[in-house]
Protein backbone atom coordinates (compact mmCIF):
# COMPACT_ATOMS: atom_id res chain seq x y z
CA MET A 1 0.00 0.00 0.00
CA VAL A 2 1.21 3.50 -0.88
CA HIS A 3 0.12 6.68 0.89
CA PHE A 4 -0.71 9.08 -1.95
CA GLY A 5 -1.11 12.81 -1.48
CA ILE A 6 -3.19 14.95 -3.84
CA ILE A 7 -2.56 18.64 -4.37
CA CYS A 8 -4.90 20.64 -6.60
CA PRO A 9 -6.96 23.85 -6.63
CA SER A 10 -10.06 23.75 -4.43
CA SER A 11 -12.48 24.66 -7.24
CA THR A 12 -15.10 22.15 -8.36
CA GLY A 13 -13.64 21.49 -11.80
CA HIS A 14 -10.27 20.37 -10.46
CA LEU A 15 -11.70 18.37 -7.57
CA ASN A 16 -14.10 16.54 -9.89
CA THR A 17 -11.07 15.27 -11.81
CA MET A 18 -8.73 14.47 -8.93
CA LEU A 19 -11.11 12.93 -6.39
CA PRO A 20 -12.20 10.00 -8.61
CA LEU A 21 -8.52 9.12 -9.08
CA GLY A 22 -8.15 9.10 -5.32
CA GLN A 23 -11.24 6.91 -4.93
CA GLU A 24 -9.94 4.37 -7.47
CA LEU A 25 -6.55 4.24 -5.74
CA GLN A 26 -8.28 3.81 -2.39
CA GLN A 27 -10.36 0.94 -3.75
CA ARG A 28 -7.10 -0.74 -4.73
CA GLY A 29 -5.86 -0.59 -1.15
CA HIS A 30 -3.91 2.67 -1.09
CA ARG A 31 -4.28 5.51 1.40
CA ILE A 32 -5.22 8.93 0.01
CA THR A 33 -4.95 12.40 1.57
CA LEU A 34 -5.82 15.63 -0.22
CA PHE A 35 -3.79 18.65 0.86
CA GLY A 36 -5.61 21.88 0.08
CA LEU A 37 -7.58 24.90 1.15
CA LEU A 38 -10.42 24.45 3.63
CA ASP A 39 -13.08 24.92 0.96
CA ALA A 40 -11.99 21.61 -0.58
CA GLU A 41 -12.69 19.69 2.63
CA PRO A 42 -16.46 18.98 2.22
CA LYS A 43 -16.11 17.49 -1.29
CA THR A 44 -13.04 15.50 -0.24
CA LEU A 45 -14.85 13.96 2.72
CA VAL A 46 -17.95 13.19 0.63
CA ALA A 47 -15.62 11.28 -1.70
CA GLY A 48 -14.43 9.26 1.31
CA LEU A 49 -10.85 10.52 1.27
CA GLU A 50 -8.70 12.06 4.00
CA PHE A 51 -8.14 15.82 4.11
CA TRP A 52 -5.33 18.01 5.47
CA ALA A 53 -5.83 21.79 5.46
CA ILE A 54 -3.17 24.13 4.04
CA GLY A 55 -3.18 27.93 4.34
CA GLU A 56 -5.93 28.25 6.94
CA THR A 57 -4.82 31.76 7.91
CA GLU A 58 -4.79 33.24 4.41
CA PHE A 59 -7.73 31.16 3.17
CA PRO A 60 -10.23 30.54 6.00
CA SER A 61 -13.38 28.56 5.31
CA GLY A 62 -15.47 30.27 2.62
CA ALA A 63 -12.60 32.43 1.35
CA THR A 64 -12.19 30.54 -1.90
CA ALA A 65 -15.89 30.78 -2.68
CA LYS A 66 -15.79 34.56 -2.21
CA LEU A 67 -12.71 34.92 -4.41
CA LEU A 68 -14.27 32.78 -7.14
CA ALA A 69 -17.49 34.83 -6.93
CA GLN A 70 -15.47 37.95 -7.74
CA GLN A 71 -13.71 36.12 -10.56
CA GLY A 72 -17.07 35.04 -11.98
CA GLN A 73 -17.95 38.65 -12.80
CA LEU A 74 -14.92 38.99 -15.09
CA SER A 75 -14.11 37.84 -18.59
CA GLY A 76 -11.21 37.85 -21.03
CA LEU A 77 -7.82 39.17 -19.96
CA ALA A 78 -9.15 40.59 -16.67
CA ALA A 79 -10.36 37.12 -15.66
CA GLU A 80 -7.04 35.54 -16.67
CA ARG A 81 -5.08 38.02 -14.57
CA TYR A 82 -7.37 37.42 -11.61
CA THR A 83 -6.95 33.66 -12.01
CA PHE A 84 -3.18 33.95 -12.11
CA ASN A 85 -3.16 36.10 -8.95
CA LEU A 86 -5.14 33.39 -7.17
CA PHE A 87 -2.69 30.72 -8.31
CA MET A 88 0.20 32.94 -7.21
CA GLN A 89 -1.30 33.33 -3.72
CA LEU A 90 -1.87 29.58 -3.55
CA ALA A 91 1.71 28.86 -4.66
CA VAL A 92 3.11 31.04 -1.86
CA VAL A 93 1.07 29.11 0.70
CA MET A 94 1.78 25.67 -0.79
CA LEU A 95 5.55 26.17 -1.04
CA ARG A 96 5.67 27.49 2.51
CA ASP A 97 3.38 25.00 4.27
CA ALA A 98 2.75 21.91 2.16
CA PRO A 99 6.16 20.17 2.48
CA ALA A 100 5.98 19.94 6.27
CA SER A 101 2.36 18.77 6.21
CA ILE A 102 2.97 16.17 3.50
CA GLN A 103 6.03 14.88 5.35
CA ALA A 104 4.20 14.77 8.70
CA ALA A 105 1.38 12.76 7.12
CA GLY A 106 3.84 10.17 5.81
CA VAL A 107 2.94 10.62 2.15
CA GLU A 108 5.04 8.51 -0.23
CA ALA A 109 3.91 9.83 -3.64
CA LEU A 110 2.00 12.81 -5.03
CA LEU A 111 -0.66 13.42 -7.66
CA VAL A 112 -0.15 17.01 -8.77
CA ASP A 113 -2.66 19.06 -10.77
CA GLN A 114 -0.76 20.52 -13.72
CA CYS A 115 -2.12 23.99 -12.88
CA LEU A 116 -0.02 24.01 -9.69
CA LEU A 117 3.44 24.51 -11.17
CA GLU A 118 4.94 24.42 -7.67
CA GLY A 119 3.81 20.82 -7.08
CA GLY A 120 6.81 19.20 -8.72
CA THR A 121 9.20 21.31 -6.66
CA ILE A 122 7.46 20.21 -3.46
CA ALA A 123 7.82 16.56 -4.51
CA ASP A 124 11.48 17.08 -5.45
CA PHE A 125 12.21 18.69 -2.08
CA LEU A 126 10.61 15.73 -0.28
CA ALA A 127 12.38 13.27 -2.63
CA ILE A 128 9.13 11.45 -3.45
CA PRO A 129 7.74 10.52 -6.89
CA PHE A 130 4.89 12.48 -8.45
CA VAL A 131 2.53 12.17 -11.39
CA THR A 132 1.13 15.19 -13.25
CA ILE A 133 -2.64 15.29 -13.90
CA CYS A 134 -4.03 17.68 -16.53
CA SER A 135 -7.48 18.59 -15.19
CA ALA A 136 -7.68 21.55 -17.55
CA MET A 137 -6.24 21.81 -21.02
CA LEU A 138 -2.66 20.59 -21.12
CA SER A 139 -0.15 23.39 -20.60
CA ASN A 140 3.01 21.73 -21.93
CA GLN A 141 4.89 24.34 -23.96
CA GLU A 142 7.13 24.23 -26.99
CA SER A 143 8.79 27.52 -26.16
CA ASN A 144 10.97 27.94 -23.09
CA VAL A 145 9.98 31.59 -22.74
CA SER A 146 8.57 32.44 -19.31
CA HIS A 147 7.33 35.99 -19.48
CA GLY A 148 4.43 38.30 -18.82
CA ILE A 149 1.72 37.02 -16.54
CA ILE A 150 3.46 33.79 -15.45
CA LYS A 151 6.96 35.11 -14.75
CA PRO A 152 6.39 36.02 -11.05
CA LEU A 153 5.34 32.41 -10.42
CA THR A 154 8.30 30.85 -12.21
CA ASP A 155 10.61 33.27 -10.36
CA LEU A 156 9.08 32.21 -7.02
CA ILE A 157 9.57 28.53 -7.86
CA ALA A 158 13.18 29.21 -8.92
CA GLN A 159 13.79 30.99 -5.62
CA TYR A 160 12.57 28.00 -3.61
CA ARG A 161 14.52 25.52 -5.75
CA GLN A 162 17.66 27.53 -5.11
CA GLU A 163 17.01 27.70 -1.35
CA TRP A 164 16.26 23.97 -1.26
CA LYS A 165 19.43 23.19 -3.27
CA LEU A 166 17.46 21.69 -6.14
CA PRO A 167 18.58 22.08 -9.76
CA LEU A 168 16.88 24.99 -11.50
CA TYR A 169 14.47 24.22 -14.31
CA SER A 170 15.93 24.69 -17.77
CA HIS A 171 12.45 24.57 -19.35
CA LEU A 172 8.98 25.25 -18.01
CA ASN A 173 8.02 21.65 -18.87
CA ASP A 174 10.55 20.46 -16.29
CA ALA A 175 7.90 21.31 -13.68
CA PHE A 176 5.86 18.32 -14.84
CA SER A 177 6.45 14.68 -13.94
CA GLY A 178 9.23 12.70 -15.58
CA LEU A 179 7.38 9.47 -14.73
CA ALA A 180 3.88 10.00 -16.14
CA GLN A 181 1.67 12.87 -17.26
CA LEU A 182 -2.04 12.21 -17.71
CA SER A 183 -4.69 14.18 -19.60
CA GLN A 184 -8.40 13.58 -19.04
CA ALA A 185 -9.02 14.17 -22.76
CA PRO A 186 -8.99 11.41 -25.36
CA PRO A 187 -6.20 11.78 -27.95
CA GLU A 188 -8.76 12.58 -30.68
CA PHE A 189 -9.72 15.82 -28.90
CA GLU A 190 -6.21 17.26 -28.80
CA PHE A 191 -4.57 18.75 -31.87
CA THR A 192 -0.94 18.30 -30.97
CA GLY A 193 0.25 19.41 -34.42
CA GLY A 194 4.01 19.72 -34.22
CA GLN A 195 4.01 19.70 -30.42
CA GLN A 196 6.46 17.21 -28.98
CA LEU A 197 4.88 15.78 -25.85
CA PRO A 198 7.06 13.51 -23.71
CA GLN A 199 6.89 9.77 -24.34
CA TRP A 200 5.32 9.35 -20.90
CA PHE A 201 2.32 11.59 -21.73
CA HIS A 202 -0.97 9.64 -21.74
CA PHE A 203 -4.44 10.64 -22.99
CA THR A 204 -6.66 8.53 -20.75
CA GLY A 205 -10.08 10.17 -21.09
CA PRO A 206 -12.11 11.68 -18.22
CA TYR A 207 -12.41 10.35 -14.67
CA HIS A 208 -15.74 11.88 -13.64
CA SER A 209 -18.05 9.95 -11.34
CA SER A 210 -21.23 10.81 -9.45
CA SER A 211 -20.20 8.54 -6.55
CA GLY A 212 -18.06 11.21 -4.94
CA ARG A 213 -20.43 14.13 -5.51
CA GLN A 214 -23.02 15.40 -3.10
CA PRO A 215 -26.56 14.54 -4.29
CA VAL A 216 -28.34 17.53 -5.83
CA PRO A 217 -32.16 17.68 -5.83
CA PHE A 218 -33.84 18.34 -9.16
CA PRO A 219 -37.52 18.59 -10.23
CA TYR A 220 -37.44 15.73 -12.75
CA GLU A 221 -41.24 15.74 -12.78
CA LYS A 222 -41.12 19.04 -14.69
CA LEU A 223 -39.34 17.50 -17.69
CA THR A 224 -41.80 17.33 -20.58
CA GLY A 225 -40.09 14.82 -22.86
CA LYS A 226 -39.24 17.46 -25.46
CA PRO A 227 -35.60 17.63 -26.64
CA LEU A 228 -33.65 18.80 -23.58
CA ILE A 229 -31.21 21.69 -23.84
CA TYR A 230 -29.07 21.89 -20.71
CA ALA A 231 -27.26 25.19 -20.05
CA SER A 232 -24.56 25.83 -17.46
CA MET A 233 -21.70 28.30 -17.34
CA GLY A 234 -19.86 26.29 -14.68
CA THR A 235 -19.12 27.30 -11.10
CA VAL A 236 -16.46 29.99 -11.64
CA GLN A 237 -17.05 32.25 -14.68
CA ASN A 238 -20.81 32.19 -14.15
CA ARG A 239 -21.75 35.59 -12.67
CA LEU A 240 -22.55 37.18 -16.04
CA ILE A 241 -26.32 36.97 -15.52
CA ASN A 242 -27.10 38.60 -18.88
CA VAL A 243 -25.66 35.49 -20.55
CA PHE A 244 -28.40 33.37 -19.00
CA GLN A 245 -31.01 35.88 -20.20
CA ILE A 246 -29.67 35.64 -23.76
CA ILE A 247 -29.67 31.82 -23.57
CA ALA A 248 -33.31 31.80 -22.44
CA SER A 249 -34.36 34.20 -25.19
CA ALA A 250 -32.50 32.19 -27.83
CA CYS A 251 -34.23 28.96 -26.76
CA GLY A 252 -37.66 30.43 -25.93
CA SER A 253 -39.24 29.89 -29.36
CA LEU A 254 -37.66 26.47 -30.04
CA ASP A 255 -39.54 23.19 -29.75
CA ALA A 256 -37.30 22.10 -26.88
CA GLN A 257 -37.11 22.38 -23.11
CA LEU A 258 -34.37 24.45 -21.50
CA VAL A 259 -32.82 23.71 -18.11
CA ILE A 260 -30.48 26.36 -16.69
CA SER A 261 -28.06 25.68 -13.84
CA LEU A 262 -26.77 28.89 -12.27
CA GLY A 263 -23.82 27.09 -10.67
CA GLY A 264 -24.27 29.01 -7.43
CA SER A 265 -24.02 32.41 -9.10
CA ALA A 266 -27.51 33.46 -7.99
CA LYS A 267 -30.78 32.20 -6.59
CA PRO A 268 -33.35 31.32 -9.29
CA GLU A 269 -35.90 33.64 -7.73
CA SER A 270 -33.50 36.60 -8.03
CA LEU A 271 -33.54 36.43 -11.83
CA PRO A 272 -36.03 38.40 -13.89
CA GLU A 273 -38.69 36.37 -15.68
CA LEU A 274 -37.01 34.46 -18.49
CA GLN A 275 -38.50 33.85 -21.92
CA GLY A 276 -39.87 30.36 -22.55
CA ASN A 277 -40.29 29.53 -18.86
CA PRO A 278 -37.16 27.37 -18.53
CA ILE A 279 -36.41 25.26 -15.47
CA VAL A 280 -33.86 27.30 -13.50
CA VAL A 281 -31.96 25.82 -10.55
CA GLU A 282 -29.08 27.02 -8.41
CA TYR A 283 -27.22 23.73 -8.93
CA ALA A 284 -28.06 20.74 -11.12
CA PRO A 285 -27.09 17.05 -11.12
CA GLN A 286 -25.05 17.56 -14.26
CA LEU A 287 -24.00 13.98 -14.97
CA GLU A 288 -27.57 12.75 -14.66
CA LEU A 289 -29.01 15.54 -16.85
CA LEU A 290 -26.44 14.94 -19.57
CA GLU A 291 -27.75 11.39 -19.88
CA LYS A 292 -31.08 12.95 -20.93
CA ALA A 293 -29.82 16.00 -22.86
CA THR A 294 -30.03 16.54 -26.62
CA MET A 295 -27.40 19.28 -26.50
CA MET A 296 -25.63 21.52 -23.98
CA ILE A 297 -24.82 25.22 -23.84
CA THR A 298 -21.60 25.63 -21.85
CA HIS A 299 -18.67 27.93 -21.05
CA ALA A 300 -16.35 25.27 -22.55
CA GLY A 301 -14.72 24.31 -19.29
CA MET A 302 -12.65 21.16 -19.77
CA ASN A 303 -14.62 19.10 -17.25
CA THR A 304 -18.04 19.98 -18.64
CA THR A 305 -16.86 19.47 -22.21
CA MET A 306 -15.54 15.99 -21.39
CA GLU A 307 -18.76 15.14 -19.53
CA CYS A 308 -20.77 16.16 -22.61
CA LEU A 309 -18.67 14.05 -24.95
CA LYS A 310 -18.66 11.08 -22.58
CA ASN A 311 -22.44 11.13 -23.08
CA GLY A 312 -22.28 11.84 -26.82
CA VAL A 313 -23.94 15.25 -26.33
CA PRO A 314 -23.10 17.99 -28.89
CA ILE A 315 -22.27 21.47 -27.67
CA VAL A 316 -22.81 25.18 -28.14
CA ALA A 317 -19.92 26.89 -26.37
CA ILE A 318 -19.70 30.44 -25.02
CA PRO A 319 -16.11 30.62 -23.72
CA ILE A 320 -15.40 33.30 -21.11
CA ALA A 321 -11.72 33.13 -20.14
CA ASN A 322 -8.64 31.03 -19.29
CA ASP A 323 -8.38 27.65 -21.03
CA GLN A 324 -12.02 27.83 -22.19
CA LEU A 325 -10.90 29.56 -25.40
CA GLY A 326 -8.57 26.67 -26.19
CA VAL A 327 -11.21 24.07 -25.37
CA ALA A 328 -13.68 25.93 -27.58
CA ALA A 329 -11.16 25.84 -30.44
CA ARG A 330 -11.06 22.06 -30.08
CA ILE A 331 -14.86 21.88 -30.04
CA THR A 332 -14.81 23.62 -33.42
CA TRP A 333 -11.93 21.49 -34.75
CA THR A 334 -13.58 18.18 -33.83
CA GLU A 335 -16.96 19.48 -35.10
CA VAL A 336 -18.79 18.37 -31.97
CA GLY A 337 -20.45 21.76 -31.68
CA GLU A 338 -20.53 25.47 -32.42
CA VAL A 339 -18.79 28.34 -30.66
CA VAL A 340 -20.21 31.83 -30.06
CA PRO A 341 -17.58 34.24 -28.65
CA LEU A 342 -18.74 36.25 -25.66
CA THR A 343 -17.87 39.50 -27.44
CA LYS A 344 -20.27 38.58 -30.28
CA LEU A 345 -23.00 37.02 -28.17
CA ASN A 346 -26.57 38.07 -28.91
CA VAL A 347 -29.90 36.28 -29.13
CA GLU A 348 -29.94 35.94 -32.92
CA ARG A 349 -26.38 34.60 -33.25
CA LEU A 350 -26.83 32.15 -30.38
CA GLN A 351 -30.17 30.91 -31.70
CA GLU A 352 -28.64 30.25 -35.12
CA ALA A 353 -25.85 28.19 -33.53
CA ILE A 354 -28.34 26.22 -31.41
CA LYS A 355 -30.52 25.45 -34.43
CA ARG A 356 -27.52 24.20 -36.41
CA VAL A 357 -26.43 21.87 -33.63
CA LEU A 358 -29.98 20.60 -33.11
CA THR A 359 -30.72 19.95 -36.78
CA GLN A 360 -27.44 19.07 -38.52
CA GLU A 361 -26.40 15.45 -38.02
CA VAL A 362 -22.66 16.14 -38.23
CA TYR A 363 -22.51 17.44 -34.65
CA LYS A 364 -24.21 14.44 -33.08
CA LYS A 365 -22.19 12.08 -35.28
CA ASN A 366 -18.92 13.62 -34.12
CA ALA A 367 -20.01 13.75 -30.48
CA LEU A 368 -20.65 9.99 -30.72
CA ARG A 369 -17.24 9.57 -32.36
CA LEU A 370 -15.60 11.30 -29.41
CA GLN A 371 -17.73 9.26 -27.01
CA ALA A 372 -16.29 6.09 -28.55
CA ALA A 373 -12.78 7.56 -28.29
CA ILE A 374 -13.34 8.24 -24.59
CA GLU A 375 -14.46 4.66 -24.04
CA ARG A 376 -11.29 3.39 -25.76
CA ALA A 377 -9.04 5.72 -23.75
CA GLY A 378 -9.62 3.77 -20.55
CA GLY A 379 -10.60 6.49 -18.09
CA VAL A 380 -9.89 6.29 -14.38
CA SER A 381 -8.93 2.60 -14.38
CA ARG A 382 -6.21 3.04 -17.01
CA ALA A 383 -5.01 6.26 -15.37
CA VAL A 384 -4.55 4.52 -12.04
CA ASP A 385 -2.78 1.58 -13.72
CA ILE A 386 -0.25 4.10 -15.05
CA ILE A 387 0.05 5.87 -11.68
CA GLU A 388 0.70 2.60 -9.85
CA GLN A 389 3.31 1.50 -12.40
CA ALA A 390 5.11 4.85 -12.27
CA VAL A 391 5.30 4.90 -8.48
CA SER A 392 6.17 1.21 -8.02
CA THR A 393 8.95 1.15 -10.63
CA GLY A 394 10.25 4.69 -10.34
CA LYS A 395 10.65 4.67 -14.12
CA PRO A 396 8.81 6.58 -16.87
CA VAL A 397 5.68 4.82 -18.11
CA LEU A 398 5.84 5.16 -21.87
CA ALA A 399 2.66 5.66 -23.87
CA GLN A 400 1.76 2.89 -26.29
CA LYS A 401 1.77 3.94 -29.94
């Protein structure tokens, strides 16, 4: 048995990727502890895993939710800068406090979310193996240029590596595992082009499971049997209430039923009356609704996009910020849906995109193609096979060609 530690952001999207990996490892006899901010504790405990709080002074209970609520009102470059500042604050806390906590807990190996560039340095300092998990879009880079928005973070990591007498990174990609790197996308979703990913990079497909998520009530009795359009802008970039109004107006005259999940951005009763009388809920059981959905309107978050494709559900994407723009580009490239940029969003343009996805067979056909690719990729079981092999052998696990 190995005692695995997990370090990842405390937001829903990252936890929904990492916790199922922890559950699968636990089922195979390993011990799992997630090290993170207090707001990650409830979801971790619901998943049946151990939790160890980091940064309680800077991030008391509820702090993350408040910070994400502010982020949810932003879009574009402003949202990206805000996101980076959050990751910078988290890196300061993790580098300062996580090593002692991980060592005290007796952790023998780490699963590190790729978004936390400091995770590999923490593992190196503790001299324990680690595996990189890409919960969002993969951020491996061809160029070794670290500039602009990310430079303060890479400088901070370099400072700690110097203090801890660790070799400095010669390339940003050195921050990722040399044993195994896992993406929750299937290979067919990623256009690698000329990008040279390491031989130990694996596209395993998504890990999502309802078993570790808190049950969410939903008025299923209100579903009419008409084609179901499910709309959610996630749980972070979801405070742009006018987007929900445009979605309702675009769907109001269609022969379909719209369900809107506000993702905690507002109470349903606080919204003005929406056209078409859609079902509006604060939170929705997303995995269960996608089993019934004809199509989804989404912000193009990586988790939601993979959950759609796992169910063969085509997409209309309205990307807001961060990696959503890259995910949306892949939605267009794989022809599993349409993309409407936020800067060009209006009722007419959105309705045209929705009608195309509802009526043209190519979108459903390609969504089913990606669904089959996800099934072949192996999901959580294959991912954990790779993790176990990497940690037990201490050698890179090469991807099969």
